[in-house]
PDB file of N, CA and C in Angstrom:
ATOM      1  N   MET A   1    -136.016  29.376  28.993  1.00  0.00           N
ATOM      2  CA  MET A   1    -134.955  28.903  29.092  1.00  0.00           C
ATOM      3  C   MET A   1    -133.734  29.519  30.504  1.00  0.00           C
ATOM      4  N   THR A   2    -133.189  28.813  31.073  1.00  0.00           N
ATOM      5  CA  THR A   2    -132.667  29.325  32.287  1.00  0.00           C
ATOM      6  C   THR A   2    -130.904  29.103  31.781  1.00  0.00           C
ATOM      7  N   LYS A   3    -130.409  29.831  31.743  1.00  0.00           N
ATOM      8  CA  LYS A   3    -128.960  29.435  31.195  1.00  0.00           C
ATOM      9  C   LYS A   3    -128.074  29.560  32.397  1.00  0.00           C
ATOM     10  N   ILE A   4    -127.023  28.338  32.275  1.00  0.00           N
ATOM     11  CA  ILE A   4    -126.484  28.200  33.721  1.00  0.00           C
ATOM     12  C   ILE A   4    -124.756  27.927  33.252  1.00  0.00           C
ATOM     13  N   LEU A   5    -124.265  28.815  34.356  1.00  0.00           N
ATOM     14  CA  LEU A   5    -122.813  28.685  34.507  1.00  0.00           C
ATOM     15  C   LEU A   5    -122.204  27.895  35.263  1.00  0.00           C
ATOM     16  N   ILE A   6    -121.149  26.799  35.340  1.00  0.00           N
ATOM     17  CA  ILE A   6    -120.890  25.944  36.041  1.00  0.00           C
ATOM     18  C   ILE A   6    -119.448  26.306  36.396  1.00  0.00           C
ATOM     19  N   THR A   7    -118.696  26.814  37.245  1.00  0.00           N
ATOM     20  CA  THR A   7    -117.723  26.670  37.790  1.00  0.00           C
ATOM     21  C   THR A   7    -116.989  25.754  38.093  1.00  0.00           C
ATOM     22  N   GLY A   8    -115.358  25.250  37.938  1.00  0.00           N
ATOM     23  CA  GLY A   8    -114.726  24.200  38.792  1.00  0.00           C
ATOM     24  C   GLY A   8    -114.931  22.837  37.644  1.00  0.00           C
ATOM     25  N   THR A   9    -115.017  23.133  36.253  1.00  0.00           N
ATOM     26  CA  THR A   9    -114.858  22.112  35.430  1.00  0.00           C
ATOM     27  C   THR A   9    -113.958  21.074  35.736  1.00  0.00           C
ATOM     28  N   ASN A  10    -112.533  21.215  36.136  1.00  0.00           N
ATOM     29  CA  ASN A  10    -111.776  20.480  36.294  1.00  0.00           C
ATOM     30  C   ASN A  10    -111.787  19.660  37.910  1.00  0.00           C
ATOM     31  N   SER A  11    -112.650  20.244  38.685  1.00  0.00           N
ATOM     32  CA  SER A  11    -112.868  19.512  39.900  1.00  0.00           C
ATOM     33  C   SER A  11    -113.536  18.012  39.644  1.00  0.00           C
ATOM     34  N   PHE A  12    -113.589  17.330  40.575  1.00  0.00           N
ATOM     35  CA  PHE A  12    -114.054  15.714  40.964  1.00  0.00           C
ATOM     36  C   PHE A  12    -116.057  16.136  40.504  1.00  0.00           C
ATOM     37  N   VAL A  13    -116.367  17.038  41.749  1.00  0.00           N
ATOM     38  CA  VAL A  13    -117.834  17.362  41.460  1.00  0.00           C
ATOM     39  C   VAL A  13    -117.990  18.285  40.426  1.00  0.00           C
ATOM     40  N   GLY A  14    -116.946  19.192  40.043  1.00  0.00           N
ATOM     41  CA  GLY A  14    -117.763  19.624  38.353  1.00  0.00           C
ATOM     42  C   GLY A  14    -117.752  18.795  37.600  1.00  0.00           C
ATOM     43  N   ARG A  15    -116.495  17.833  37.018  1.00  0.00           N
ATOM     44  CA  ARG A  15    -116.666  17.110  36.166  1.00  0.00           C
ATOM     45  C   ARG A  15    -118.235  16.184  36.061  1.00  0.00           C
ATOM     46  N   ASN A  16    -118.324  15.429  37.148  1.00  0.00           N
ATOM     47  CA  ASN A  16    -119.609  14.599  37.378  1.00  0.00           C
ATOM     48  C   ASN A  16    -120.829  15.342  37.378  1.00  0.00           C
ATOM     49  N   PHE A  17    -120.752  16.635  38.017  1.00  0.00           N
ATOM     50  CA  PHE A  17    -121.972  17.089  38.153  1.00  0.00           C
ATOM     51  C   PHE A  17    -122.589  17.688  36.874  1.00  0.00           C
ATOM     52  N   ILE A  18    -121.548  17.884  35.763  1.00  0.00           N
ATOM     53  CA  ILE A  18    -121.903  18.260  34.479  1.00  0.00           C
ATOM     54  C   ILE A  18    -122.151  16.787  33.806  1.00  0.00           C
ATOM     55  N   LYS A  19    -121.473  15.986  34.234  1.00  0.00           N
ATOM     56  CA  LYS A  19    -121.798  14.780  33.145  1.00  0.00           C
ATOM     57  C   LYS A  19    -122.875  14.276  33.523  1.00  0.00           C
ATOM     58  N   TYR A  20    -123.273  14.344  34.936  1.00  0.00           N
ATOM     59  CA  TYR A  20    -124.611  13.562  35.425  1.00  0.00           C
ATOM     60  C   TYR A  20    -126.015  14.632  35.345  1.00  0.00           C
ATOM     61  N   SER A  21    -125.653  15.614  35.287  1.00  0.00           N
ATOM     62  CA  SER A  21    -127.126  16.914  35.984  1.00  0.00           C
ATOM     63  C   SER A  21    -128.008  16.715  34.733  1.00  0.00           C
ATOM     64  N   GLY A  22    -127.814  16.710  33.339  1.00  0.00           N
ATOM     65  CA  GLY A  22    -128.934  16.578  32.341  1.00  0.00           C
ATOM     66  C   GLY A  22    -129.185  18.055  32.253  1.00  0.00           C
ATOM     67  N   PHE A  23    -128.754  19.153  32.847  1.00  0.00           N
ATOM     68  CA  PHE A  23    -129.165  20.608  32.390  1.00  0.00           C
ATOM     69  C   PHE A  23    -128.599  20.453  30.678  1.00  0.00           C
ATOM     70  N   ARG A  24    -129.585  21.327  30.206  1.00  0.00           N
ATOM     71  CA  ARG A  24    -129.415  21.399  28.603  1.00  0.00           C
ATOM     72  C   ARG A  24    -128.848  22.571  28.144  1.00  0.00           C
ATOM     73  N   TYR A  25    -128.641  23.572  29.089  1.00  0.00           N
ATOM     74  CA  TYR A  25    -128.254  25.278  28.680  1.00  0.00           C
ATOM     75  C   TYR A  25    -127.250  25.330  29.494  1.00  0.00           C
ATOM     76  N   THR A  26    -126.192  24.887  29.558  1.00  0.00           N
ATOM     77  CA  THR A  26    -125.121  25.319  30.657  1.00  0.00           C
ATOM     78  C   THR A  26    -123.652  25.807  29.778  1.00  0.00           C
ATOM     79  N   ASP A  27    -123.071  26.500  30.572  1.00  0.00           N
ATOM     80  CA  ASP A  27    -121.589  26.564  30.029  1.00  0.00           C
ATOM     81  C   ASP A  27    -120.889  26.375  31.105  1.00  0.00           C
ATOM     82  N   GLU A  28    -119.491  25.786  30.835  1.00  0.00           N
ATOM     83  CA  GLU A  28    -118.539  25.311  32.112  1.00  0.00           C
ATOM     84  C   GLU A  28    -117.188  26.153  31.682  1.00  0.00           C
ATOM     85  N   ILE A  29    -116.618  26.481  33.236  1.00  0.00           N
ATOM     86  CA  ILE A  29    -115.400  27.430  32.685  1.00  0.00           C
ATOM     87  C   ILE A  29    -114.734  26.991  34.108  1.00  0.00           C
ATOM     88  N   SER A  30    -113.328  26.976  33.809  1.00  0.00           N
ATOM     89  CA  SER A  30    -112.131  26.450  34.846  1.00  0.00           C
ATOM     90  C   SER A  30    -111.981  27.792  35.314  1.00  0.00           C
ATOM     91  N   LEU A  31    -111.788  27.914  36.552  1.00  0.00           N
ATOM     92  CA  LEU A  31    -111.462  28.933  37.428  1.00  0.00           C
ATOM     93  C   LEU A  31    -110.085  29.081  37.488  1.00  0.00           C
ATOM     94  N   PHE A  32    -109.053  27.869  37.343  1.00  0.00           N
ATOM     95  CA  PHE A  32    -107.820  27.555  36.988  1.00  0.00           C
ATOM     96  C   PHE A  32    -107.303  28.073  35.770  1.00  0.00           C
ATOM     97  N   ASP A  33    -107.968  28.362  34.957  1.00  0.00           N
ATOM     98  CA  ASP A  33    -107.538  28.933  33.310  1.00  0.00           C
ATOM     99  C   ASP A  33    -108.018  30.106  33.478  1.00  0.00           C
ATOM    100  N   ASN A  34    -108.801  30.746  34.059  1.00  0.00           N
ATOM    101  CA  ASN A  34    -109.782  31.887  33.934  1.00  0.00           C
ATOM    102  C   ASN A  34    -109.715  32.811  35.269  1.00  0.00           C
ATOM    103  N   LYS A  35    -109.776  33.990  35.360  1.00  0.00           N
ATOM    104  CA  LYS A  35    -110.256  34.896  36.180  1.00  0.00           C
ATOM    105  C   LYS A  35    -111.387  34.927  36.548  1.00  0.00           C
ATOM    106  N   PRO A  36    -111.993  35.232  37.640  1.00  0.00           N
ATOM    107  CA  PRO A  36    -113.122  35.689  37.766  1.00  0.00           C
ATOM    108  C   PRO A  36    -113.953  36.769  37.030  1.00  0.00           C
ATOM    109  N   GLU A  37    -112.587  37.973  37.256  1.00  0.00           N
ATOM    110  CA  GLU A  37    -113.077  39.024  36.941  1.00  0.00           C
ATOM    111  C   GLU A  37    -113.242  39.041  35.031  1.00  0.00           C
ATOM    112  N   ASP A  38    -112.868  38.031  34.386  1.00  0.00           N
ATOM    113  CA  ASP A  38    -112.838  38.194  32.830  1.00  0.00           C
ATOM    114  C   ASP A  38    -114.048  37.667  32.368  1.00  0.00           C
ATOM    115  N   ILE A  39    -114.941  37.027  33.435  1.00  0.00           N
ATOM    116  CA  ILE A  39    -116.218  36.086  32.769  1.00  0.00           C
ATOM    117  C   ILE A  39    -116.809  37.210  32.795  1.00  0.00           C
ATOM    118  N   ASP A  40    -118.167  36.905  31.532  1.00  0.00           N
ATOM    119  CA  ASP A  40    -119.297  37.814  31.527  1.00  0.00           C
ATOM    120  C   ASP A  40    -120.668  36.853  32.141  1.00  0.00           C
ATOM    121  N   TYR A  41    -120.943  37.385  33.327  1.00  0.00           N
ATOM    122  CA  TYR A  41    -121.845  36.569  34.072  1.00  0.00           C
ATOM    123  C   TYR A  41    -123.123  37.205  33.573  1.00  0.00           C
ATOM    124  N   SER A  42    -123.593  38.322  32.868  1.00  0.00           N
ATOM    125  CA  SER A  42    -124.820  38.938  32.505  1.00  0.00           C
ATOM    126  C   SER A  42    -125.432  37.853  31.785  1.00  0.00           C
ATOM    127  N   LYS A  43    -124.806  37.212  31.180  1.00  0.00           N
ATOM    128  CA  LYS A  43    -125.875  36.301  30.192  1.00  0.00           C
ATOM    129  C   LYS A  43    -126.378  34.835  30.709  1.00  0.00           C
ATOM    130  N   TYR A  44    -125.911  34.679  32.158  1.00  0.00           N
ATOM    131  CA  TYR A  44    -126.800  33.715  33.069  1.00  0.00           C
ATOM    132  C   TYR A  44    -127.658  33.740  34.019  1.00  0.00           C
ATOM    133  N   ASP A  45    -128.220  33.033  34.132  1.00  0.00           N
ATOM    134  CA  ASP A  45    -129.364  33.242  35.100  1.00  0.00           C
ATOM    135  C   ASP A  45    -129.130  32.759  36.736  1.00  0.00           C
ATOM    136  N   VAL A  46    -128.079  31.886  36.535  1.00  0.00           N
ATOM    137  CA  VAL A  46    -127.523  30.633  37.530  1.00  0.00           C
ATOM    138  C   VAL A  46    -126.275  30.664  37.427  1.00  0.00           C
ATOM    139  N   VAL A  47    -125.380  30.781  38.605  1.00  0.00           N
ATOM    140  CA  VAL A  47    -124.055  30.387  38.497  1.00  0.00           C
ATOM    141  C   VAL A  47    -123.854  29.237  39.634  1.00  0.00           C
ATOM    142  N   ILE A  48    -123.405  28.258  39.316  1.00  0.00           N
ATOM    143  CA  ILE A  48    -122.766  27.022  40.087  1.00  0.00           C
ATOM    144  C   ILE A  48    -121.619  26.721  40.521  1.00  0.00           C
ATOM    145  N   HIS A  49    -121.398  27.630  41.715  1.00  0.00           N
ATOM    146  CA  HIS A  49    -119.859  27.270  42.078  1.00  0.00           C
ATOM    147  C   HIS A  49    -119.126  26.313  42.410  1.00  0.00           C
ATOM    148  N   LEU A  50    -118.493  25.533  41.770  1.00  0.00           N
ATOM    149  CA  LEU A  50    -117.967  23.990  42.179  1.00  0.00           C
ATOM    150  C   LEU A  50    -116.372  24.229  42.559  1.00  0.00           C
ATOM    151  N   VAL A  51    -115.992  25.333  42.836  1.00  0.00           N
ATOM    152  CA  VAL A  51    -114.424  25.104  42.990  1.00  0.00           C
ATOM    153  C   VAL A  51    -114.058  24.879  44.662  1.00  0.00           C
ATOM    154  N   ALA A  52    -113.225  24.166  44.893  1.00  0.00           N
ATOM    155  CA  ALA A  52    -112.823  24.156  46.476  1.00  0.00           C
ATOM    156  C   ALA A  52    -111.566  23.121  46.308  1.00  0.00           C
ATOM    157  N   ILE A  53    -110.780  23.526  47.519  1.00  0.00           N
ATOM    158  CA  ILE A  53    -109.720  22.494  47.654  1.00  0.00           C
ATOM    159  C   ILE A  53    -110.210  21.743  48.989  1.00  0.00           C
ATOM    160  N   VAL A  54    -110.185  20.311  48.431  1.00  0.00           N
ATOM    161  CA  VAL A  54    -110.519  19.112  49.523  1.00  0.00           C
ATOM    162  C   VAL A  54    -109.779  18.028  49.651  1.00  0.00           C
ATOM    163  N   HIS A  55    -109.761  17.164  50.350  1.00  0.00           N
ATOM    164  CA  HIS A  55    -109.109  15.843  50.275  1.00  0.00           C
ATOM    165  C   HIS A  55    -107.821  16.049  49.905  1.00  0.00           C
ATOM    166  N   GLN A  56    -106.902  16.753  50.276  1.00  0.00           N
ATOM    167  CA  GLN A  56    -105.453  16.684  49.809  1.00  0.00           C
ATOM    168  C   GLN A  56    -104.694  15.930  50.474  1.00  0.00           C
ATOM    169  N   LYS A  57    -104.058  15.081  50.206  1.00  0.00           N
ATOM    170  CA  LYS A  57    -102.974  13.980  50.484  1.00  0.00           C
ATOM    171  C   LYS A  57    -101.745  14.983  51.241  1.00  0.00           C
ATOM    172  N   THR A  58    -101.253  16.113  50.473  1.00  0.00           N
ATOM    173  CA  THR A  58    -100.357  16.806  51.193  1.00  0.00           C
ATOM    174  C   THR A  58    -101.298  18.068  51.689  1.00  0.00           C
ATOM    175  N   THR A  59     -99.936  18.313  52.487  1.00  0.00           N
ATOM    176  CA  THR A  59    -100.476  19.828  53.431  1.00  0.00           C
ATOM    177  C   THR A  59    -100.502  20.712  52.775  1.00  0.00           C
ATOM    178  N   ILE A  60    -101.596  21.368  52.685  1.00  0.00           N
ATOM    179  CA  ILE A  60    -101.350  22.925  52.259  1.00  0.00           C
ATOM    180  C   ILE A  60    -101.851  23.980  53.039  1.00  0.00           C
ATOM    181  N   PRO A  61    -100.933  25.251  53.251  1.00  0.00           N
ATOM    182  CA  PRO A  61    -101.172  26.035  54.198  1.00  0.00           C
ATOM    183  C   PRO A  61    -102.506  26.748  54.404  1.00  0.00           C
ATOM    184  N   ASP A  62    -103.128  27.062  55.459  1.00  0.00           N
ATOM    185  CA  ASP A  62    -104.592  27.350  55.954  1.00  0.00           C
ATOM    186  C   ASP A  62    -104.870  28.514  54.897  1.00  0.00           C
ATOM    187  N   ASP A  63    -103.847  29.427  54.266  1.00  0.00           N
ATOM    188  CA  ASP A  63    -104.216  30.597  53.563  1.00  0.00           C
ATOM    189  C   ASP A  63    -104.732  30.179  52.353  1.00  0.00           C
ATOM    190  N   GLN A  64    -103.943  29.301  51.834  1.00  0.00           N
ATOM    191  CA  GLN A  64    -104.924  28.633  50.461  1.00  0.00           C
ATOM    192  C   GLN A  64    -105.969  28.170  50.276  1.00  0.00           C
ATOM    193  N   TYR A  65    -106.492  27.462  51.483  1.00  0.00           N
ATOM    194  CA  TYR A  65    -107.648  27.154  51.601  1.00  0.00           C
ATOM    195  C   TYR A  65    -108.719  28.055  51.734  1.00  0.00           C
ATOM    196  N   PHE A  66    -108.255  29.097  52.384  1.00  0.00           N
ATOM    197  CA  PHE A  66    -109.034  30.393  52.704  1.00  0.00           C
ATOM    198  C   PHE A  66    -109.423  31.464  51.213  1.00  0.00           C
ATOM    199  N   ILE A  67    -108.155  31.157  50.245  1.00  0.00           N
ATOM    200  CA  ILE A  67    -107.986  31.980  49.251  1.00  0.00           C
ATOM    201  C   ILE A  67    -109.188  31.027  48.322  1.00  0.00           C
ATOM    202  N   ILE A  68    -108.912  30.232  48.217  1.00  0.00           N
ATOM    203  CA  ILE A  68    -109.968  29.220  47.472  1.00  0.00           C
ATOM    204  C   ILE A  68    -111.048  29.048  47.946  1.00  0.00           C
ATOM    205  N   ASN A  69    -111.597  28.670  49.042  1.00  0.00           N
ATOM    206  CA  ASN A  69    -113.048  27.895  49.626  1.00  0.00           C
ATOM    207  C   ASN A  69    -113.512  29.524  49.975  1.00  0.00           C
ATOM    208  N   ARG A  70    -112.804  30.050  50.577  1.00  0.00           N
ATOM    209  CA  ARG A  70    -113.803  31.488  50.806  1.00  0.00           C
ATOM    210  C   ARG A  70    -113.510  32.561  50.039  1.00  0.00           C
ATOM    211  N   ASP A  71    -112.959  32.966  49.819  1.00  0.00           N
ATOM    212  CA  ASP A  71    -112.327  34.367  48.835  1.00  0.00           C
ATOM    213  C   ASP A  71    -112.649  34.188  47.415  1.00  0.00           C
ATOM    214  N   LEU A  72    -112.505  33.090  46.643  1.00  0.00           N
ATOM    215  CA  LEU A  72    -112.829  32.716  45.354  1.00  0.00           C
ATOM    216  C   LEU A  72    -114.569  32.644  45.238  1.00  0.00           C
ATOM    217  N   CYS A  73    -114.944  32.133  46.235  1.00  0.00           N
ATOM    218  CA  CYS A  73    -116.501  31.774  46.009  1.00  0.00           C
ATOM    219  C   CYS A  73    -116.921  33.357  46.236  1.00  0.00           C
ATOM    220  N   LEU A  74    -116.500  34.175  47.242  1.00  0.00           N
ATOM    221  CA  LEU A  74    -117.282  35.423  47.562  1.00  0.00           C
ATOM    222  C   LEU A  74    -117.076  36.399  46.101  1.00  0.00           C
ATOM    223  N   LYS A  75    -115.741  36.268  45.618  1.00  0.00           N
ATOM    224  CA  LYS A  75    -115.460  37.253  44.752  1.00  0.00           C
ATOM    225  C   LYS A  75    -116.460  36.810  43.528  1.00  0.00           C
ATOM    226  N   VAL A  76    -116.679  35.271  42.916  1.00  0.00           N
ATOM    227  CA  VAL A  76    -117.816  34.852  42.223  1.00  0.00           C
ATOM    228  C   VAL A  76    -119.144  35.541  42.554  1.00  0.00           C
ATOM    229  N   ALA A  77    -119.369  35.352  43.453  1.00  0.00           N
ATOM    230  CA  ALA A  77    -120.767  35.836  43.966  1.00  0.00           C
ATOM    231  C   ALA A  77    -120.839  37.376  43.958  1.00  0.00           C
ATOM    232  N   GLU A  78    -119.979  38.081  44.330  1.00  0.00           N
ATOM    233  CA  GLU A  78    -120.402  39.631  44.125  1.00  0.00           C
ATOM    234  C   GLU A  78    -120.004  39.852  42.525  1.00  0.00           C
ATOM    235  N   LEU A  79    -119.388  39.392  41.943  1.00  0.00           N
ATOM    236  CA  LEU A  79    -119.624  39.559  40.579  1.00  0.00           C
ATOM    237  C   LEU A  79    -120.504  38.961  39.621  1.00  0.00           C
ATOM    238  N   ALA A  80    -120.814  38.193  40.184  1.00  0.00           N
ATOM    239  CA  ALA A  80    -122.233  37.506  39.789  1.00  0.00           C
ATOM    240  C   ALA A  80    -123.457  38.465  39.833  1.00  0.00           C
ATOM    241  N   LYS A  81    -123.674  38.776  41.158  1.00  0.00           N
ATOM    242  CA  LYS A  81    -124.728  39.781  41.546  1.00  0.00           C
ATOM    243  C   LYS A  81    -124.549  40.955  41.029  1.00  0.00           C
ATOM    244  N   GLN A  82    -123.277  41.422  40.921  1.00  0.00           N
ATOM    245  CA  GLN A  82    -123.018  43.133  40.142  1.00  0.00           C
ATOM    246  C   GLN A  82    -123.693  42.663  38.701  1.00  0.00           C
ATOM    247  N   ALA A  83    -123.675  41.808  37.994  1.00  0.00           N
ATOM    248  CA  ALA A  83    -124.062  41.278  36.493  1.00  0.00           C
ATOM    249  C   ALA A  83    -125.653  40.898  36.540  1.00  0.00           C
ATOM    250  N   GLY A  84    -126.262  40.973  37.547  1.00  0.00           N
ATOM    251  CA  GLY A  84    -127.492  40.550  37.580  1.00  0.00           C
ATOM    252  C   GLY A  84    -128.126  39.090  37.742  1.00  0.00           C
ATOM    253  N   VAL A  85    -127.398  38.016  38.131  1.00  0.00           N
ATOM    254  CA  VAL A  85    -127.187  36.645  38.137  1.00  0.00           C
ATOM    255  C   VAL A  85    -128.360  36.628  39.393  1.00  0.00           C
ATOM    256  N   LYS A  86    -129.481  35.793  38.934  1.00  0.00           N
ATOM    257  CA  LYS A  86    -130.555  35.724  39.928  1.00  0.00           C
ATOM    258  C   LYS A  86    -130.496  34.476  40.932  1.00  0.00           C
ATOM    259  N   HIS A  87    -129.277  33.340  40.983  1.00  0.00           N
ATOM    260  CA  HIS A  87    -129.020  32.446  42.054  1.00  0.00           C
ATOM    261  C   HIS A  87    -127.641  32.143  41.740  1.00  0.00           C
ATOM    262  N   LEU A  88    -127.064  31.957  42.912  1.00  0.00           N
ATOM    263  CA  LEU A  88    -125.516  31.389  42.980  1.00  0.00           C
ATOM    264  C   LEU A  88    -125.670  30.373  43.969  1.00  0.00           C
ATOM    265  N   SER A  89    -125.385  29.076  43.420  1.00  0.00           N
ATOM    266  CA  SER A  89    -125.062  28.033  44.302  1.00  0.00           C
ATOM    267  C   SER A  89    -123.224  27.743  44.441  1.00  0.00           C
ATOM    268  N   SER A  90    -123.411  27.355  45.315  1.00  0.00           N
ATOM    269  CA  SER A  90    -121.722  26.812  45.818  1.00  0.00           C
ATOM    270  C   SER A  90    -121.576  25.624  46.914  1.00  0.00           C
ATOM    271  N   LEU A  91    -120.723  24.809  46.385  1.00  0.00           N
ATOM    272  CA  LEU A  91    -120.743  23.606  47.153  1.00  0.00           C
ATOM    273  C   LEU A  91    -119.276  23.330  47.263  1.00  0.00           C
ATOM    274  N   ALA A  92    -118.919  23.355  48.627  1.00  0.00           N
ATOM    275  CA  ALA A  92    -117.699  22.971  49.221  1.00  0.00           C
ATOM    276  C   ALA A  92    -117.510  21.801  50.053  1.00  0.00           C
ATOM    277  N   LEU A  93    -116.971  20.712  49.561  1.00  0.00           N
ATOM    278  CA  LEU A  93    -117.206  19.341  50.516  1.00  0.00           C
ATOM    279  C   LEU A  93    -115.746  19.490  51.400  1.00  0.00           C
TER     280      LEU A  93
END
C-alpha cells in the first residue's frame, strides 16, 4: 500500500486533485496552516506538492512568488528526502 501526502489542500488544483484522483491512502495538509518543518514525512512513500501562487488579480511582489513557488517547494523536497520519501511530485501552473 502506497501512502501519499498531498500539500495544498486549499488550492484550486489541490482541492480538485483530492476530489478526483481516486487515490485511497492519502493524507492532505495545508501549508497555509502548517509549517513544513512540523510535518512527519517519514510515514509517506509519495509527497505531491500542489502549493503555488498563480493567476492573481492583484499584483504580488516577485519575492512572494519566489518564496512560495520556489523556496517552499525546495523546503518540502529537502525535508521529504531527509525523511526517506521515495517520490516527490510538484505542480505549479
